[in-house]
Amino acid sequence: MAKVTGKYETIFIADTTLGDDGIAALVAKFKALIEANGTLGEVVEWGKRHLAYPIDHKTEGYYTLITFTSAPEFPAELTRNYNITDGVIRSIVVEQAE
């Protein structure tokens, strides 16, 4: 039997040069996208952190962790949105073990 929904978590790193308003808008954008396609769980904003290694000459990023439940097709769409959004340095979406 095919899965109807799955539990996922995603973390993305926003560029700190966007400023506080830009970062807040980016977080709100992805929260709204997840709510439109599934059930939003916990949103944990870790804030500014030093990157383990420079990415595009940047050494700091704003980390946000989001848990959600959605159809199995949605994580691929979320990843696509991360990849085409300016200001997202890195991102990952993983399925949580049940």
C-alpha atoms as a PDB file:
ATOM      1  CA  MET A   1       0.000   0.000   0.000  1.00  0.00           C
ATOM      2  CA  ALA A   2       1.356   3.431  -0.938  1.00  0.00           C
ATOM      3  CA  LYS A   3       2.113   6.017   1.725  1.00  0.00           C
ATOM      4  CA  VAL A   4      -0.473   8.768   2.035  1.00  0.00           C
ATOM      5  CA  THR A   5       1.538  11.082   4.308  1.00  0.00           C
ATOM      6  CA  GLY A   6       4.961  11.140   5.861  1.00  0.00           C
ATOM      7  CA  LYS A   7       6.764  13.017   8.621  1.00  0.00           C
ATOM      8  CA  TYR A   8       9.632  15.202   7.463  1.00  0.00           C
ATOM      9  CA  GLU A   9      12.033  17.768   8.771  1.00  0.00           C
ATOM     10  CA  THR A  10      13.890  20.410   6.861  1.00  0.00           C
ATOM     11  CA  ILE A  11      16.651  22.798   7.691  1.00  0.00           C
ATOM     12  CA  PHE A  12      17.761  25.704   5.589  1.00  0.00           C
ATOM     13  CA  ILE A  13      20.457  28.321   5.958  1.00  0.00           C
ATOM     14  CA  ALA A  14      19.581  31.863   4.923  1.00  0.00           C
ATOM     15  CA  ASP A  15      22.123  34.466   3.863  1.00  0.00           C
ATOM     16  CA  THR A  16      22.642  36.925   6.735  1.00  0.00           C
ATOM     17  CA  THR A  17      23.208  39.816   4.303  1.00  0.00           C
ATOM     18  CA  LEU A  18      19.419  39.814   3.713  1.00  0.00           C
ATOM     19  CA  GLY A  19      18.986  41.546   7.062  1.00  0.00           C
ATOM     20  CA  ASP A  20      16.413  40.753   9.746  1.00  0.00           C
ATOM     21  CA  ASP A  21      13.406  41.678   7.587  1.00  0.00           C
ATOM     22  CA  GLY A  22      14.652  39.656   4.611  1.00  0.00           C
ATOM     23  CA  ILE A  23      15.323  36.597   6.746  1.00  0.00           C
ATOM     24  CA  ALA A  24      11.908  36.878   8.436  1.00  0.00           C
ATOM     25  CA  ALA A  25      10.253  37.099   5.000  1.00  0.00           C
ATOM     26  CA  LEU A  26      12.143  34.005   3.821  1.00  0.00           C
ATOM     27  CA  VAL A  27      11.119  31.998   6.903  1.00  0.00           C
ATOM     28  CA  ALA A  28       7.487  33.145   6.490  1.00  0.00           C
ATOM     29  CA  LYS A  29       7.561  32.171   2.789  1.00  0.00           C
ATOM     30  CA  PHE A  30       8.622  28.591   3.514  1.00  0.00           C
ATOM     31  CA  LYS A  31       6.241  28.252   6.476  1.00  0.00           C
ATOM     32  CA  ALA A  32       3.354  29.329   4.213  1.00  0.00           C
ATOM     33  CA  LEU A  33       4.468  26.930   1.460  1.00  0.00           C
ATOM     34  CA  ILE A  34       4.561  24.019   3.905  1.00  0.00           C
ATOM     35  CA  GLU A  35       1.178  24.953   5.429  1.00  0.00           C
ATOM     36  CA  ALA A  36      -0.354  25.067   1.943  1.00  0.00           C
ATOM     37  CA  ASN A  37       0.897  21.558   1.137  1.00  0.00           C
ATOM     38  CA  GLY A  38       0.827  19.790   4.488  1.00  0.00           C
ATOM     39  CA  THR A  39       0.681  20.223   8.241  1.00  0.00           C
ATOM     40  CA  LEU A  40       3.263  22.488   9.831  1.00  0.00           C
ATOM     41  CA  GLY A  41       4.861  21.139  12.987  1.00  0.00           C
ATOM     42  CA  GLU A  42       7.553  22.797  15.042  1.00  0.00           C
ATOM     43  CA  VAL A  43       9.533  25.782  13.741  1.00  0.00           C
ATOM     44  CA  VAL A  44      12.850  26.362  15.504  1.00  0.00           C
ATOM     45  CA  GLU A  45      14.888  29.376  14.493  1.00  0.00           C
ATOM     46  CA  TRP A  46      18.453  28.700  15.632  1.00  0.00           C
ATOM     47  CA  GLY A  47      19.551  32.143  14.508  1.00  0.00           C
ATOM     48  CA  LYS A  48      22.932  33.253  13.212  1.00  0.00           C
ATOM     49  CA  ARG A  49      25.638  30.617  13.378  1.00  0.00           C
ATOM     50  CA  HIS A  50      29.148  30.343  12.049  1.00  0.00           C
ATOM     51  CA  LEU A  51      29.340  28.009   9.044  1.00  0.00           C
ATOM     52  CA  ALA A  52      31.637  24.988   9.262  1.00  0.00           C
ATOM     53  CA  TYR A  53      33.306  26.132   6.038  1.00  0.00           C
ATOM     54  CA  PRO A  54      32.858  29.181   3.782  1.00  0.00           C
ATOM     55  CA  ILE A  55      30.063  28.903   1.198  1.00  0.00           C
ATOM     56  CA  ASP A  56      30.265  31.469  -1.624  1.00  0.00           C
ATOM     57  CA  HIS A  57      32.688  33.486   0.539  1.00  0.00           C
ATOM     58  CA  LYS A  58      30.116  33.652   3.375  1.00  0.00           C
ATOM     59  CA  THR A  59      31.065  32.528   6.879  1.00  0.00           C
ATOM     60  CA  GLU A  60      27.720  33.071   8.695  1.00  0.00           C
ATOM     61  CA  GLY A  61      24.190  31.890   8.075  1.00  0.00           C
ATOM     62  CA  TYR A  62      20.753  32.012   9.707  1.00  0.00           C
ATOM     63  CA  TYR A  63      19.568  28.474  10.502  1.00  0.00           C
ATOM     64  CA  THR A  64      15.889  27.440  10.600  1.00  0.00           C
ATOM     65  CA  LEU A  65      14.575  23.935  11.387  1.00  0.00           C
ATOM     66  CA  ILE A  66      10.985  23.009  10.461  1.00  0.00           C
ATOM     67  CA  THR A  67       9.114  19.748  11.042  1.00  0.00           C
ATOM     68  CA  PHE A  68       6.032  18.931   8.983  1.00  0.00           C
ATOM     69  CA  THR A  69       3.732  16.220   7.658  1.00  0.00           C
ATOM     70  CA  SER A  70       2.877  16.042   3.971  1.00  0.00           C
ATOM     71  CA  ALA A  71       2.305  13.852   0.947  1.00  0.00           C
ATOM     72  CA  PRO A  72       5.464  12.058  -0.230  1.00  0.00           C
ATOM     73  CA  GLU A  73       5.633  14.201  -3.388  1.00  0.00           C
ATOM     74  CA  PHE A  74       5.951  17.534  -1.563  1.00  0.00           C
ATOM     75  CA  PRO A  75       9.564  17.308  -0.263  1.00  0.00           C
ATOM     76  CA  ALA A  76      10.851  17.306  -3.854  1.00  0.00           C
ATOM     77  CA  GLU A  77       8.826  20.467  -4.558  1.00  0.00           C
ATOM     78  CA  LEU A  78      10.141  22.092  -1.373  1.00  0.00           C
ATOM     79  CA  THR A  79      13.717  21.282  -2.405  1.00  0.00           C
ATOM     80  CA  ARG A  80      13.049  22.795  -5.839  1.00  0.00           C
ATOM     81  CA  ASN A  81      11.796  25.987  -4.157  1.00  0.00           C
ATOM     82  CA  TYR A  82      14.894  26.157  -1.957  1.00  0.00           C
ATOM     83  CA  ASN A  83      17.117  25.826  -5.023  1.00  0.00           C
ATOM     84  CA  ILE A  84      15.453  28.672  -6.949  1.00  0.00           C
ATOM     85  CA  THR A  85      15.121  31.104  -4.023  1.00  0.00           C
ATOM     86  CA  ASP A  86      17.755  33.798  -3.689  1.00  0.00           C
ATOM     87  CA  GLY A  87      19.112  34.016  -0.160  1.00  0.00           C
ATOM     88  CA  VAL A  88      19.060  30.284   0.636  1.00  0.00           C
ATOM     89  CA  ILE A  89      22.659  29.127   1.063  1.00  0.00           C
ATOM     90  CA  ARG A  90      22.011  25.434   1.835  1.00  0.00           C
ATOM     91  CA  SER A  91      18.999  23.240   2.576  1.00  0.00           C
ATOM     92  CA  ILE A  92      18.018  19.645   3.186  1.00  0.00           C
ATOM     93  CA  VAL A  93      14.743  17.765   3.605  1.00  0.00           C
ATOM     94  CA  VAL A  94      14.760  14.361   5.331  1.00  0.00           C
ATOM     95  CA  GLU A  95      12.088  11.865   6.269  1.00  0.00           C
ATOM     96  CA  GLN A  96      11.786  11.180  10.000  1.00  0.00           C
ATOM     97  CA  ALA A  97      11.837   7.607  11.209  1.00  0.00           C
ATOM     98  CA  GLU A  98       8.530   6.418  12.600  1.00  0.00           C
END
